[in-house]
Amino acid sequence: MSMGDSGQFIWAMWDSGRAALVGLNLVPVVVVSLFVGMASHVRGLSWLKALVSLVPAVMIVALWPMTSGYQPIWPDLTQLESQIQIVVEFATGFTIVLVAGLLKSALYLGANRPGSHKIV
């Protein structure tokens, strides 16, 4: 029994999605997003902060092979695997920036309560 075009499309999407998740490296995204989320003084625009944190994270992953003497491996944005990785990295960065901003706001609100003592 042969699969139609829609079956082949779904199979290609499934296969590309699995390959993208296998090759995904979220450590630079988490570290850079956490730094951007905690260092930013402006509340809101978490999507923009996630986009700003995505650029250095992708550059770290691309340039990492140069530490061993190899050529940089830049993501090919015409490939479905790279596109899925970028979307997952952006979603992860957005979540980390949002949570870090909320955590920072909560810490500042707790420090500015009446009766709380500031440590000098």
PDB file of N, CA and C in Angstrom:
ATOM      1  N   MET A   1       0.847  -1.167   0.000  1.00  0.00           N
ATOM      2  CA  MET A   1       0.000   0.000   0.000  1.00  0.00           C
ATOM      3  C   MET A   1       0.899   1.239   0.000  1.00  0.00           C
ATOM      4  N   SER A   2       0.603   2.189  -0.876  1.00  0.00           N
ATOM      5  CA  SER A   2       1.471   3.354  -0.978  1.00  0.00           C
ATOM      6  C   SER A   2       0.849   4.545  -0.248  1.00  0.00           C
ATOM      7  N   MET A   3       1.752   5.366   0.291  1.00  0.00           N
ATOM      8  CA  MET A   3       1.301   6.579   0.981  1.00  0.00           C
ATOM      9  C   MET A   3       1.131   7.686  -0.039  1.00  0.00           C
ATOM     10  N   GLY A   4       0.152   8.522   0.187  1.00  0.00           N
ATOM     11  CA  GLY A   4      -0.073   9.653  -0.695  1.00  0.00           C
ATOM     12  C   GLY A   4       0.879  10.776  -0.363  1.00  0.00           C
ATOM     13  N   ASP A   5       0.686  11.879  -1.025  1.00  0.00           N
ATOM     14  CA  ASP A   5       1.535  13.048  -0.791  1.00  0.00           C
ATOM     15  C   ASP A   5       1.406  13.558   0.637  1.00  0.00           C
ATOM     16  N   SER A   6       0.209  13.534   1.179  1.00  0.00           N
ATOM     17  CA  SER A   6       0.031  14.027   2.545  1.00  0.00           C
ATOM     18  C   SER A   6       0.732  13.113   3.545  1.00  0.00           C
ATOM     19  N   GLY A   7       0.714  11.832   3.319  1.00  0.00           N
ATOM     20  CA  GLY A   7       1.416  10.898   4.199  1.00  0.00           C
ATOM     21  C   GLY A   7       2.917  11.095   4.148  1.00  0.00           C
ATOM     22  N   GLN A   8       3.444  11.318   2.953  1.00  0.00           N
ATOM     23  CA  GLN A   8       4.871  11.569   2.818  1.00  0.00           C
ATOM     24  C   GLN A   8       5.264  12.892   3.471  1.00  0.00           C
ATOM     25  N   PHE A   9       4.391  13.895   3.354  1.00  0.00           N
ATOM     26  CA  PHE A   9       4.658  15.185   3.986  1.00  0.00           C
ATOM     27  C   PHE A   9       4.693  15.041   5.506  1.00  0.00           C
ATOM     28  N   ILE A  10       3.721  14.340   6.056  1.00  0.00           N
ATOM     29  CA  ILE A  10       3.680  14.139   7.507  1.00  0.00           C
ATOM     30  C   ILE A  10       4.906  13.349   7.961  1.00  0.00           C
ATOM     31  N   TRP A  11       5.295  12.337   7.212  1.00  0.00           N
ATOM     32  CA  TRP A  11       6.471  11.555   7.570  1.00  0.00           C
ATOM     33  C   TRP A  11       7.738  12.413   7.514  1.00  0.00           C
ATOM     34  N   ALA A  12       7.864  13.278   6.499  1.00  0.00           N
ATOM     35  CA  ALA A  12       9.032  14.159   6.390  1.00  0.00           C
ATOM     36  C   ALA A  12       9.067  15.160   7.543  1.00  0.00           C
ATOM     37  N   MET A  13       7.909  15.696   7.925  1.00  0.00           N
ATOM     38  CA  MET A  13       7.846  16.620   9.064  1.00  0.00           C
ATOM     39  C   MET A  13       8.242  15.907  10.355  1.00  0.00           C
ATOM     40  N   TRP A  14       7.744  14.702  10.549  1.00  0.00           N
ATOM     41  CA  TRP A  14       8.061  13.921  11.754  1.00  0.00           C
ATOM     42  C   TRP A  14       9.559  13.630  11.811  1.00  0.00           C
ATOM     43  N   ASP A  15      10.121  13.207  10.699  1.00  0.00           N
ATOM     44  CA  ASP A  15      11.536  12.870  10.644  1.00  0.00           C
ATOM     45  C   ASP A  15      12.415  14.104  10.861  1.00  0.00           C
ATOM     46  N   SER A  16      12.049  15.225  10.254  1.00  0.00           N
ATOM     47  CA  SER A  16      12.815  16.461  10.445  1.00  0.00           C
ATOM     48  C   SER A  16      12.702  16.966  11.874  1.00  0.00           C
ATOM     49  N   GLY A  17      11.538  16.840  12.465  1.00  0.00           N
ATOM     50  CA  GLY A  17      11.349  17.252  13.855  1.00  0.00           C
ATOM     51  C   GLY A  17      12.191  16.434  14.806  1.00  0.00           C
ATOM     52  N   ARG A  18      12.228  15.136  14.608  1.00  0.00           N
ATOM     53  CA  ARG A  18      13.062  14.275  15.451  1.00  0.00           C
ATOM     54  C   ARG A  18      14.537  14.604  15.284  1.00  0.00           C
ATOM     55  N   ALA A  19      14.975  14.800  14.044  1.00  0.00           N
ATOM     56  CA  ALA A  19      16.383  15.131  13.793  1.00  0.00           C
ATOM     57  C   ALA A  19      16.736  16.484  14.406  1.00  0.00           C
ATOM     58  N   ALA A  20      15.816  17.435  14.365  1.00  0.00           N
ATOM     59  CA  ALA A  20      16.083  18.751  14.944  1.00  0.00           C
ATOM     60  C   ALA A  20      16.210  18.667  16.455  1.00  0.00           C
ATOM     61  N   LEU A  21      15.379  17.876  17.099  1.00  0.00           N
ATOM     62  CA  LEU A  21      15.444  17.763  18.549  1.00  0.00           C
ATOM     63  C   LEU A  21      16.660  16.980  19.016  1.00  0.00           C
ATOM     64  N   VAL A  22      17.141  16.051  18.197  1.00  0.00           N
ATOM     65  CA  VAL A  22      18.344  15.301  18.550  1.00  0.00           C
ATOM     66  C   VAL A  22      19.560  16.217  18.517  1.00  0.00           C
ATOM     67  N   GLY A  23      19.635  17.107  17.535  1.00  0.00           N
ATOM     68  CA  GLY A  23      20.794  17.985  17.390  1.00  0.00           C
ATOM     69  C   GLY A  23      20.674  19.302  18.134  1.00  0.00           C
ATOM     70  N   LEU A  24      19.678  19.439  18.987  1.00  0.00           N
ATOM     71  CA  LEU A  24      19.431  20.707  19.678  1.00  0.00           C
ATOM     72  C   LEU A  24      20.353  20.867  20.880  1.00  0.00           C
ATOM     73  N   ASN A  25      20.949  22.049  21.021  1.00  0.00           N
ATOM     74  CA  ASN A  25      21.800  22.365  22.159  1.00  0.00           C
ATOM     75  C   ASN A  25      21.209  23.593  22.846  1.00  0.00           C
ATOM     76  N   LEU A  26      20.528  23.380  23.969  1.00  0.00           N
ATOM     77  CA  LEU A  26      19.831  24.463  24.655  1.00  0.00           C
ATOM     78  C   LEU A  26      20.664  25.170  25.720  1.00  0.00           C
ATOM     79  N   VAL A  27      21.836  24.665  26.045  1.00  0.00           N
ATOM     80  CA  VAL A  27      22.635  25.254  27.120  1.00  0.00           C
ATOM     81  C   VAL A  27      22.989  26.716  26.838  1.00  0.00           C
ATOM     82  N   PRO A  28      23.515  27.082  25.656  1.00  0.00           N
ATOM     83  CA  PRO A  28      23.816  28.495  25.421  1.00  0.00           C
ATOM     84  C   PRO A  28      22.567  29.381  25.450  1.00  0.00           C
ATOM     85  N   VAL A  29      21.450  28.862  24.977  1.00  0.00           N
ATOM     86  CA  VAL A  29      20.209  29.634  24.980  1.00  0.00           C
ATOM     87  C   VAL A  29      19.761  29.911  26.409  1.00  0.00           C
ATOM     88  N   VAL A  30      19.832  28.905  27.264  1.00  0.00           N
ATOM     89  CA  VAL A  30      19.412  29.069  28.654  1.00  0.00           C
ATOM     90  C   VAL A  30      20.322  30.062  29.370  1.00  0.00           C
ATOM     91  N   VAL A  31      21.620  29.940  29.188  1.00  0.00           N
ATOM     92  CA  VAL A  31      22.570  30.820  29.885  1.00  0.00           C
ATOM     93  C   VAL A  31      22.418  32.265  29.421  1.00  0.00           C
ATOM     94  N   VAL A  32      22.389  32.493  28.122  1.00  0.00           N
ATOM     95  CA  VAL A  32      22.291  33.854  27.597  1.00  0.00           C
ATOM     96  C   VAL A  32      20.924  34.459  27.929  1.00  0.00           C
ATOM     97  N   SER A  33      19.853  33.683  27.824  1.00  0.00           N
ATOM     98  CA  SER A  33      18.515  34.190  28.135  1.00  0.00           C
ATOM     99  C   SER A  33      18.375  34.530  29.609  1.00  0.00           C
ATOM    100  N   LEU A  34      18.960  33.722  30.461  1.00  0.00           N
ATOM    101  CA  LEU A  34      18.928  34.011  31.891  1.00  0.00           C
ATOM    102  C   LEU A  34      19.682  35.308  32.194  1.00  0.00           C
ATOM    103  N   PHE A  35      20.821  35.488  31.555  1.00  0.00           N
ATOM    104  CA  PHE A  35      21.590  36.726  31.738  1.00  0.00           C
ATOM    105  C   PHE A  35      20.809  37.943  31.243  1.00  0.00           C
ATOM    106  N   VAL A  36      20.224  37.836  30.045  1.00  0.00           N
ATOM    107  CA  VAL A  36      19.470  38.965  29.481  1.00  0.00           C
ATOM    108  C   VAL A  36      18.239  39.262  30.335  1.00  0.00           C
ATOM    109  N   GLY A  37      17.556  38.225  30.800  1.00  0.00           N
ATOM    110  CA  GLY A  37      16.369  38.432  31.617  1.00  0.00           C
ATOM    111  C   GLY A  37      16.670  39.072  32.953  1.00  0.00           C
ATOM    112  N   MET A  38      17.787  38.706  33.568  1.00  0.00           N
ATOM    113  CA  MET A  38      18.135  39.276  34.869  1.00  0.00           C
ATOM    114  C   MET A  38      18.820  40.644  34.738  1.00  0.00           C
ATOM    115  N   ALA A  39      19.530  40.888  33.649  1.00  0.00           N
ATOM    116  CA  ALA A  39      20.269  42.137  33.490  1.00  0.00           C
ATOM    117  C   ALA A  39      19.419  43.267  32.924  1.00  0.00           C
ATOM    118  N   SER A  40      18.306  42.953  32.325  1.00  0.00           N
ATOM    119  CA  SER A  40      17.481  43.974  31.697  1.00  0.00           C
ATOM    120  C   SER A  40      16.733  44.790  32.748  1.00  0.00           C
ATOM    121  N   HIS A  41      16.702  46.096  32.541  1.00  0.00           N
ATOM    122  CA  HIS A  41      16.020  46.991  33.472  1.00  0.00           C
ATOM    123  C   HIS A  41      14.603  47.323  33.007  1.00  0.00           C
ATOM    124  N   VAL A  42      14.274  47.003  31.765  1.00  0.00           N
ATOM    125  CA  VAL A  42      12.974  47.331  31.207  1.00  0.00           C
ATOM    126  C   VAL A  42      12.057  46.119  31.319  1.00  0.00           C
ATOM    127  N   ARG A  43      10.865  46.325  31.875  1.00  0.00           N
ATOM    128  CA  ARG A  43       9.899  45.234  31.944  1.00  0.00           C
ATOM    129  C   ARG A  43       9.161  45.139  30.617  1.00  0.00           C
ATOM    130  N   GLY A  44       8.692  43.948  30.312  1.00  0.00           N
ATOM    131  CA  GLY A  44       7.927  43.749  29.090  1.00  0.00           C
ATOM    132  C   GLY A  44       8.827  43.445  27.909  1.00  0.00           C
ATOM    133  N   LEU A  45       8.214  43.317  26.760  1.00  0.00           N
ATOM    134  CA  LEU A  45       8.899  42.995  25.498  1.00  0.00           C
ATOM    135  C   LEU A  45       9.786  41.767  25.631  1.00  0.00           C
ATOM    136  N   SER A  46       9.259  40.730  26.259  1.00  0.00           N
ATOM    137  CA  SER A  46      10.038  39.505  26.447  1.00  0.00           C
ATOM    138  C   SER A  46      10.391  38.852  25.119  1.00  0.00           C
ATOM    139  N   TRP A  47       9.536  38.999  24.112  1.00  0.00           N
ATOM    140  CA  TRP A  47       9.828  38.400  22.808  1.00  0.00           C
ATOM    141  C   TRP A  47      11.053  39.061  22.181  1.00  0.00           C
ATOM    142  N   LEU A  48      11.198  40.384  22.398  1.00  0.00           N
ATOM    143  CA  LEU A  48      12.359  41.083  21.839  1.00  0.00           C
ATOM    144  C   LEU A  48      13.638  40.692  22.575  1.00  0.00           C
ATOM    145  N   LYS A  49      13.545  40.560  23.892  1.00  0.00           N
ATOM    146  CA  LYS A  49      14.698  40.118  24.677  1.00  0.00           C
ATOM    147  C   LYS A  49      15.089  38.691  24.297  1.00  0.00           C
ATOM    148  N   ALA A  50      14.092  37.840  24.031  1.00  0.00           N
ATOM    149  CA  ALA A  50      14.385  36.468  23.607  1.00  0.00           C
ATOM    150  C   ALA A  50      15.078  36.461  22.251  1.00  0.00           C
ATOM    151  N   LEU A  51      14.657  37.346  21.365  1.00  0.00           N
ATOM    152  CA  LEU A  51      15.308  37.447  20.060  1.00  0.00           C
ATOM    153  C   LEU A  51      16.738  37.943  20.196  1.00  0.00           C
ATOM    154  N   VAL A  52      16.943  38.910  21.101  1.00  0.00           N
ATOM    155  CA  VAL A  52      18.297  39.435  21.343  1.00  0.00           C
ATOM    156  C   VAL A  52      19.185  38.357  21.957  1.00  0.00           C
ATOM    157  N   SER A  53      18.631  37.531  22.826  1.00  0.00           N
ATOM    158  CA  SER A  53      19.433  36.475  23.447  1.00  0.00           C
ATOM    159  C   SER A  53      19.650  35.289  22.510  1.00  0.00           C
ATOM    160  N   LEU A  54      18.808  35.153  21.497  1.00  0.00           N
ATOM    161  CA  LEU A  54      18.952  34.042  20.556  1.00  0.00           C
ATOM    162  C   LEU A  54      20.166  34.231  19.652  1.00  0.00           C
ATOM    163  N   VAL A  55      20.459  35.461  19.279  1.00  0.00           N
ATOM    164  CA  VAL A  55      21.571  35.726  18.351  1.00  0.00           C
ATOM    165  C   VAL A  55      22.915  35.281  18.933  1.00  0.00           C
ATOM    166  N   PRO A  56      23.307  35.715  20.151  1.00  0.00           N
ATOM    167  CA  PRO A  56      24.592  35.228  20.660  1.00  0.00           C
ATOM    168  C   PRO A  56      24.585  33.735  20.961  1.00  0.00           C
ATOM    169  N   ALA A  57      23.430  33.189  21.332  1.00  0.00           N
ATOM    170  CA  ALA A  57      23.375  31.748  21.606  1.00  0.00           C
ATOM    171  C   ALA A  57      23.622  30.932  20.337  1.00  0.00           C
ATOM    172  N   VAL A  58      23.039  31.359  19.229  1.00  0.00           N
ATOM    173  CA  VAL A  58      23.275  30.671  17.956  1.00  0.00           C
ATOM    174  C   VAL A  58      24.719  30.848  17.513  1.00  0.00           C
ATOM    175  N   MET A  59      25.285  32.023  17.756  1.00  0.00           N
ATOM    176  CA  MET A  59      26.684  32.252  17.387  1.00  0.00           C
ATOM    177  C   MET A  59      27.624  31.388  18.221  1.00  0.00           C
ATOM    178  N   ILE A  60      27.307  31.205  19.501  1.00  0.00           N
ATOM    179  CA  ILE A  60      28.142  30.341  20.345  1.00  0.00           C
ATOM    180  C   ILE A  60      28.134  28.922  19.818  1.00  0.00           C
ATOM    181  N   VAL A  61      26.949  28.418  19.486  1.00  0.00           N
ATOM    182  CA  VAL A  61      26.844  27.046  18.967  1.00  0.00           C
ATOM    183  C   VAL A  61      27.555  26.928  17.627  1.00  0.00           C
ATOM    184  N   ALA A  62      27.434  27.948  16.776  1.00  0.00           N
ATOM    185  CA  ALA A  62      28.050  27.888  15.448  1.00  0.00           C
ATOM    186  C   ALA A  62      29.569  27.986  15.513  1.00  0.00           C
ATOM    187  N   LEU A  63      30.076  28.795  16.439  1.00  0.00           N
ATOM    188  CA  LEU A  63      31.525  29.020  16.512  1.00  0.00           C
ATOM    189  C   LEU A  63      32.247  28.041  17.433  1.00  0.00           C
ATOM    190  N   TRP A  64      31.519  27.229  18.182  1.00  0.00           N
ATOM    191  CA  TRP A  64      32.144  26.308  19.131  1.00  0.00           C
ATOM    192  C   TRP A  64      33.144  25.348  18.478  1.00  0.00           C
ATOM    193  N   PRO A  65      32.891  24.809  17.266  1.00  0.00           N
ATOM    194  CA  PRO A  65      33.891  23.917  16.650  1.00  0.00           C
ATOM    195  C   PRO A  65      35.240  24.585  16.406  1.00  0.00           C
ATOM    196  N   MET A  66      35.297  25.900  16.345  1.00  0.00           N
ATOM    197  CA  MET A  66      36.573  26.593  16.123  1.00  0.00           C
ATOM    198  C   MET A  66      37.520  26.419  17.301  1.00  0.00           C
ATOM    199  N   THR A  67      36.990  26.093  18.491  1.00  0.00           N
ATOM    200  CA  THR A  67      37.862  25.869  19.642  1.00  0.00           C
ATOM    201  C   THR A  67      38.700  24.615  19.470  1.00  0.00           C
ATOM    202  N   SER A  68      38.245  23.707  18.614  1.00  0.00           N
ATOM    203  CA  SER A  68      38.999  22.482  18.333  1.00  0.00           C
ATOM    204  C   SER A  68      39.719  22.542  17.001  1.00  0.00           C
ATOM    205  N   GLY A  69      39.703  23.702  16.350  1.00  0.00           N
ATOM    206  CA  GLY A  69      40.416  23.857  15.084  1.00  0.00           C
ATOM    207  C   GLY A  69      39.580  23.555  13.857  1.00  0.00           C
ATOM    208  N   TYR A  70      38.268  23.378  14.003  1.00  0.00           N
ATOM    209  CA  TYR A  70      37.396  23.092  12.862  1.00  0.00           C
ATOM    210  C   TYR A  70      36.741  24.370  12.357  1.00  0.00           C
ATOM    211  N   GLN A  71      36.071  24.240  11.248  1.00  0.00           N
ATOM    212  CA  GLN A  71      35.339  25.368  10.673  1.00  0.00           C
ATOM    213  C   GLN A  71      34.048  25.595  11.461  1.00  0.00           C
ATOM    214  N   PRO A  72      33.563  26.844  11.523  1.00  0.00           N
ATOM    215  CA  PRO A  72      32.270  27.083  12.189  1.00  0.00           C
ATOM    216  C   PRO A  72      31.138  26.402  11.428  1.00  0.00           C
ATOM    217  N   ILE A  73      30.134  25.984  12.151  1.00  0.00           N
ATOM    218  CA  ILE A  73      28.981  25.318  11.555  1.00  0.00           C
ATOM    219  C   ILE A  73      27.782  26.247  11.713  1.00  0.00           C
ATOM    220  N   TRP A  74      27.497  27.015  10.660  1.00  0.00           N
ATOM    221  CA  TRP A  74      26.382  27.954  10.695  1.00  0.00           C
ATOM    222  C   TRP A  74      25.097  27.224  10.352  1.00  0.00           C
ATOM    223  N   PRO A  75      23.995  27.579  10.975  1.00  0.00           N
ATOM    224  CA  PRO A  75      22.731  26.907  10.645  1.00  0.00           C
ATOM    225  C   PRO A  75      22.270  27.298   9.245  1.00  0.00           C
ATOM    226  N   ASP A  76      21.799  26.308   8.508  1.00  0.00           N
ATOM    227  CA  ASP A  76      21.275  26.535   7.166  1.00  0.00           C
ATOM    228  C   ASP A  76      19.778  26.800   7.298  1.00  0.00           C
ATOM    229  N   LEU A  77      19.379  28.044   7.171  1.00  0.00           N
ATOM    230  CA  LEU A  77      17.996  28.424   7.419  1.00  0.00           C
ATOM    231  C   LEU A  77      17.028  27.961   6.341  1.00  0.00           C
ATOM    232  N   THR A  78      17.544  27.341   5.259  1.00  0.00           N
ATOM    233  CA  THR A  78      16.652  26.781   4.257  1.00  0.00           C
ATOM    234  C   THR A  78      16.239  25.357   4.619  1.00  0.00           C
ATOM    235  N   GLN A  79      16.888  24.760   5.600  1.00  0.00           N
ATOM    236  CA  GLN A  79      16.575  23.396   6.023  1.00  0.00           C
ATOM    237  C   GLN A  79      15.534  23.412   7.135  1.00  0.00           C
ATOM    238  N   LEU A  80      14.599  22.479   7.070  1.00  0.00           N
ATOM    239  CA  LEU A  80      13.518  22.400   8.043  1.00  0.00           C
ATOM    240  C   LEU A  80      14.045  22.117   9.447  1.00  0.00           C
ATOM    241  N   GLU A  81      15.082  21.311   9.560  1.00  0.00           N
ATOM    242  CA  GLU A  81      15.658  21.000  10.872  1.00  0.00           C
ATOM    243  C   GLU A  81      16.158  22.265  11.566  1.00  0.00           C
ATOM    244  N   SER A  82      16.868  23.120  10.841  1.00  0.00           N
ATOM    245  CA  SER A  82      17.380  24.362  11.421  1.00  0.00           C
ATOM    246  C   SER A  82      16.243  25.294  11.806  1.00  0.00           C
ATOM    247  N   GLN A  83      15.209  25.348  11.014  1.00  0.00           N
ATOM    248  CA  GLN A  83      14.069  26.197  11.321  1.00  0.00           C
ATOM    249  C   GLN A  83      13.365  25.734  12.596  1.00  0.00           C
ATOM    250  N   ILE A  84      13.210  24.440  12.751  1.00  0.00           N
ATOM    251  CA  ILE A  84      12.588  23.894  13.964  1.00  0.00           C
ATOM    252  C   ILE A  84      13.465  24.187  15.171  1.00  0.00           C
ATOM    253  N   GLN A  85      14.778  24.026  15.023  1.00  0.00           N
ATOM    254  CA  GLN A  85      15.687  24.326  16.130  1.00  0.00           C
ATOM    255  C   GLN A  85      15.612  25.792  16.541  1.00  0.00           C
ATOM    256  N   ILE A  86      15.551  26.686  15.573  1.00  0.00           N
ATOM    257  CA  ILE A  86      15.473  28.119  15.882  1.00  0.00           C
ATOM    258  C   ILE A  86      14.173  28.430  16.622  1.00  0.00           C
ATOM    259  N   VAL A  87      13.066  27.838  16.198  1.00  0.00           N
ATOM    260  CA  VAL A  87      11.787  28.079  16.861  1.00  0.00           C
ATOM    261  C   VAL A  87      11.810  27.544  18.290  1.00  0.00           C
ATOM    262  N   VAL A  88      12.360  26.348  18.487  1.00  0.00           N
ATOM    263  CA  VAL A  88      12.434  25.778  19.838  1.00  0.00           C
ATOM    264  C   VAL A  88      13.374  26.609  20.714  1.00  0.00           C
ATOM    265  N   GLU A  89      14.494  27.051  20.171  1.00  0.00           N
ATOM    266  CA  GLU A  89      15.416  27.892  20.928  1.00  0.00           C
ATOM    267  C   GLU A  89      14.770  29.232  21.278  1.00  0.00           C
ATOM    268  N   PHE A  90      14.012  29.815  20.351  1.00  0.00           N
ATOM    269  CA  PHE A  90      13.323  31.070  20.631  1.00  0.00           C
ATOM    270  C   PHE A  90      12.271  30.883  21.724  1.00  0.00           C
ATOM    271  N   ALA A  91      11.498  29.797  21.647  1.00  0.00           N
ATOM    272  CA  ALA A  91      10.481  29.535  22.670  1.00  0.00           C
ATOM    273  C   ALA A  91      11.121  29.314  24.038  1.00  0.00           C
ATOM    274  N   THR A  92      12.238  28.604  24.061  1.00  0.00           N
ATOM    275  CA  THR A  92      12.953  28.389  25.320  1.00  0.00           C
ATOM    276  C   THR A  92      13.503  29.703  25.853  1.00  0.00           C
ATOM    277  N   GLY A  93      14.105  30.514  24.987  1.00  0.00           N
ATOM    278  CA  GLY A  93      14.621  31.810  25.397  1.00  0.00           C
ATOM    279  C   GLY A  93      13.521  32.727  25.902  1.00  0.00           C
ATOM    280  N   PHE A  94      12.376  32.720  25.234  1.00  0.00           N
ATOM    281  CA  PHE A  94      11.245  33.534  25.661  1.00  0.00           C
ATOM    282  C   PHE A  94      10.780  33.127  27.055  1.00  0.00           C
ATOM    283  N   THR A  95      10.685  31.831  27.291  1.00  0.00           N
ATOM    284  CA  THR A  95      10.249  31.336  28.598  1.00  0.00           C
ATOM    285  C   THR A  95      11.247  31.710  29.689  1.00  0.00           C
ATOM    286  N   ILE A  96      12.529  31.530  29.415  1.00  0.00           N
ATOM    287  CA  ILE A  96      13.559  31.839  30.409  1.00  0.00           C
ATOM    288  C   ILE A  96      13.590  33.336  30.703  1.00  0.00           C
ATOM    289  N   VAL A  97      13.504  34.180  29.673  1.00  0.00           N
ATOM    290  CA  VAL A  97      13.513  35.630  29.873  1.00  0.00           C
ATOM    291  C   VAL A  97      12.285  36.058  30.674  1.00  0.00           C
ATOM    292  N   LEU A  98      11.129  35.493  30.356  1.00  0.00           N
ATOM    293  CA  LEU A  98       9.902  35.841  31.064  1.00  0.00           C
ATOM    294  C   LEU A  98       9.976  35.441  32.532  1.00  0.00           C
ATOM    295  N   VAL A  99      10.425  34.219  32.800  1.00  0.00           N
ATOM    296  CA  VAL A  99      10.533  33.748  34.184  1.00  0.00           C
ATOM    297  C   VAL A  99      11.599  34.543  34.950  1.00  0.00           C
ATOM    298  N   ALA A 100      12.719  34.834  34.310  1.00  0.00           N
ATOM    299  CA  ALA A 100      13.766  35.611  34.983  1.00  0.00           C
ATOM    300  C   ALA A 100      13.277  37.018  35.291  1.00  0.00           C
ATOM    301  N   GLY A 101      12.521  37.623  34.384  1.00  0.00           N
ATOM    302  CA  GLY A 101      11.965  38.945  34.645  1.00  0.00           C
ATOM    303  C   GLY A 101      10.958  38.935  35.779  1.00  0.00           C
ATOM    304  N   LEU A 102      10.107  37.902  35.812  1.00  0.00           N
ATOM    305  CA  LEU A 102       9.148  37.789  36.912  1.00  0.00           C
ATOM    306  C   LEU A 102       9.854  37.549  38.241  1.00  0.00           C
ATOM    307  N   LEU A 103      10.887  36.719  38.219  1.00  0.00           N
ATOM    308  CA  LEU A 103      11.649  36.449  39.432  1.00  0.00           C
ATOM    309  C   LEU A 103      12.352  37.712  39.921  1.00  0.00           C
ATOM    310  N   LYS A 104      12.920  38.468  39.006  1.00  0.00           N
ATOM    311  CA  LYS A 104      13.596  39.707  39.369  1.00  0.00           C
ATOM    312  C   LYS A 104      12.601  40.709  39.955  1.00  0.00           C
ATOM    313  N   SER A 105      11.424  40.813  39.348  1.00  0.00           N
ATOM    314  CA  SER A 105      10.388  41.715  39.870  1.00  0.00           C
ATOM    315  C   SER A 105       9.936  41.289  41.257  1.00  0.00           C
ATOM    316  N   ALA A 106       9.784  39.992  41.464  1.00  0.00           N
ATOM    317  CA  ALA A 106       9.364  39.501  42.769  1.00  0.00           C
ATOM    318  C   ALA A 106      10.427  39.764  43.826  1.00  0.00           C
ATOM    319  N   LEU A 107      11.681  39.621  43.473  1.00  0.00           N
ATOM    320  CA  LEU A 107      12.749  39.893  44.424  1.00  0.00           C
ATOM    321  C   LEU A 107      12.811  41.382  44.776  1.00  0.00           C
ATOM    322  N   TYR A 108      12.610  42.249  43.800  1.00  0.00           N
ATOM    323  CA  TYR A 108      12.622  43.680  44.071  1.00  0.00           C
ATOM    324  C   TYR A 108      11.424  44.101  44.902  1.00  0.00           C
ATOM    325  N   LEU A 109      10.261  43.514  44.636  1.00  0.00           N
ATOM    326  CA  LEU A 109       9.083  43.849  45.420  1.00  0.00           C
ATOM    327  C   LEU A 109       9.252  43.412  46.866  1.00  0.00           C
ATOM    328  N   GLY A 110       9.869  42.256  47.068  1.00  0.00           N
ATOM    329  CA  GLY A 110      10.106  41.785  48.430  1.00  0.00           C
ATOM    330  C   GLY A 110      11.109  42.653  49.159  1.00  0.00           C
ATOM    331  N   ALA A 111      12.070  43.213  48.460  1.00  0.00           N
ATOM    332  CA  ALA A 111      13.098  44.048  49.087  1.00  0.00           C
ATOM    333  C   ALA A 111      12.559  45.441  49.399  1.00  0.00           C
ATOM    334  N   ASN A 112      11.532  45.884  48.673  1.00  0.00           N
ATOM    335  CA  ASN A 112      11.015  47.227  48.876  1.00  0.00           C
ATOM    336  C   ASN A 112       9.791  47.283  49.784  1.00  0.00           C
ATOM    337  N   ARG A 113       9.483  46.196  50.461  1.00  0.00           N
ATOM    338  CA  ARG A 113       8.338  46.195  51.371  1.00  0.00           C
ATOM    339  C   ARG A 113       8.641  47.087  52.566  1.00  0.00           C
ATOM    340  N   PRO A 114       7.599  47.724  53.118  1.00  0.00           N
ATOM    341  CA  PRO A 114       7.816  48.498  54.341  1.00  0.00           C
ATOM    342  C   PRO A 114       8.204  47.563  55.477  1.00  0.00           C
ATOM    343  N   GLY A 115       9.167  47.962  56.251  1.00  0.00           N
ATOM    344  CA  GLY A 115       9.618  47.140  57.364  1.00  0.00           C
ATOM    345  C   GLY A 115      10.729  46.185  57.014  1.00  0.00           C
ATOM    346  N   SER A 116      11.050  46.061  55.713  1.00  0.00           N
ATOM    347  CA  SER A 116      12.158  45.183  55.350  1.00  0.00           C
ATOM    348  C   SER A 116      13.460  45.961  55.484  1.00  0.00           C
ATOM    349  N   HIS A 117      14.481  45.271  55.846  1.00  0.00           N
ATOM    350  CA  HIS A 117      15.783  45.911  56.066  1.00  0.00           C
ATOM    351  C   HIS A 117      16.689  45.611  54.895  1.00  0.00           C
ATOM    352  N   LYS A 118      17.290  46.637  54.388  1.00  0.00           N
ATOM    353  CA  LYS A 118      18.230  46.471  53.282  1.00  0.00           C
ATOM    354  C   LYS A 118      19.605  46.174  53.843  1.00  0.00           C
ATOM    355  N   ILE A 119      20.267  45.239  53.231  1.00  0.00           N
ATOM    356  CA  ILE A 119      21.611  44.889  53.639  1.00  0.00           C
ATOM    357  C   ILE A 119      22.575  45.788  52.874  1.00  0.00           C
ATOM    358  N   VAL A 120      23.405  46.470  53.592  1.00  0.00           N
ATOM    359  CA  VAL A 120      24.326  47.414  52.959  1.00  0.00           C
ATOM    360  C   VAL A 120      25.668  46.761  52.802  1.00  0.00           C
TER     361      VAL A 120
END
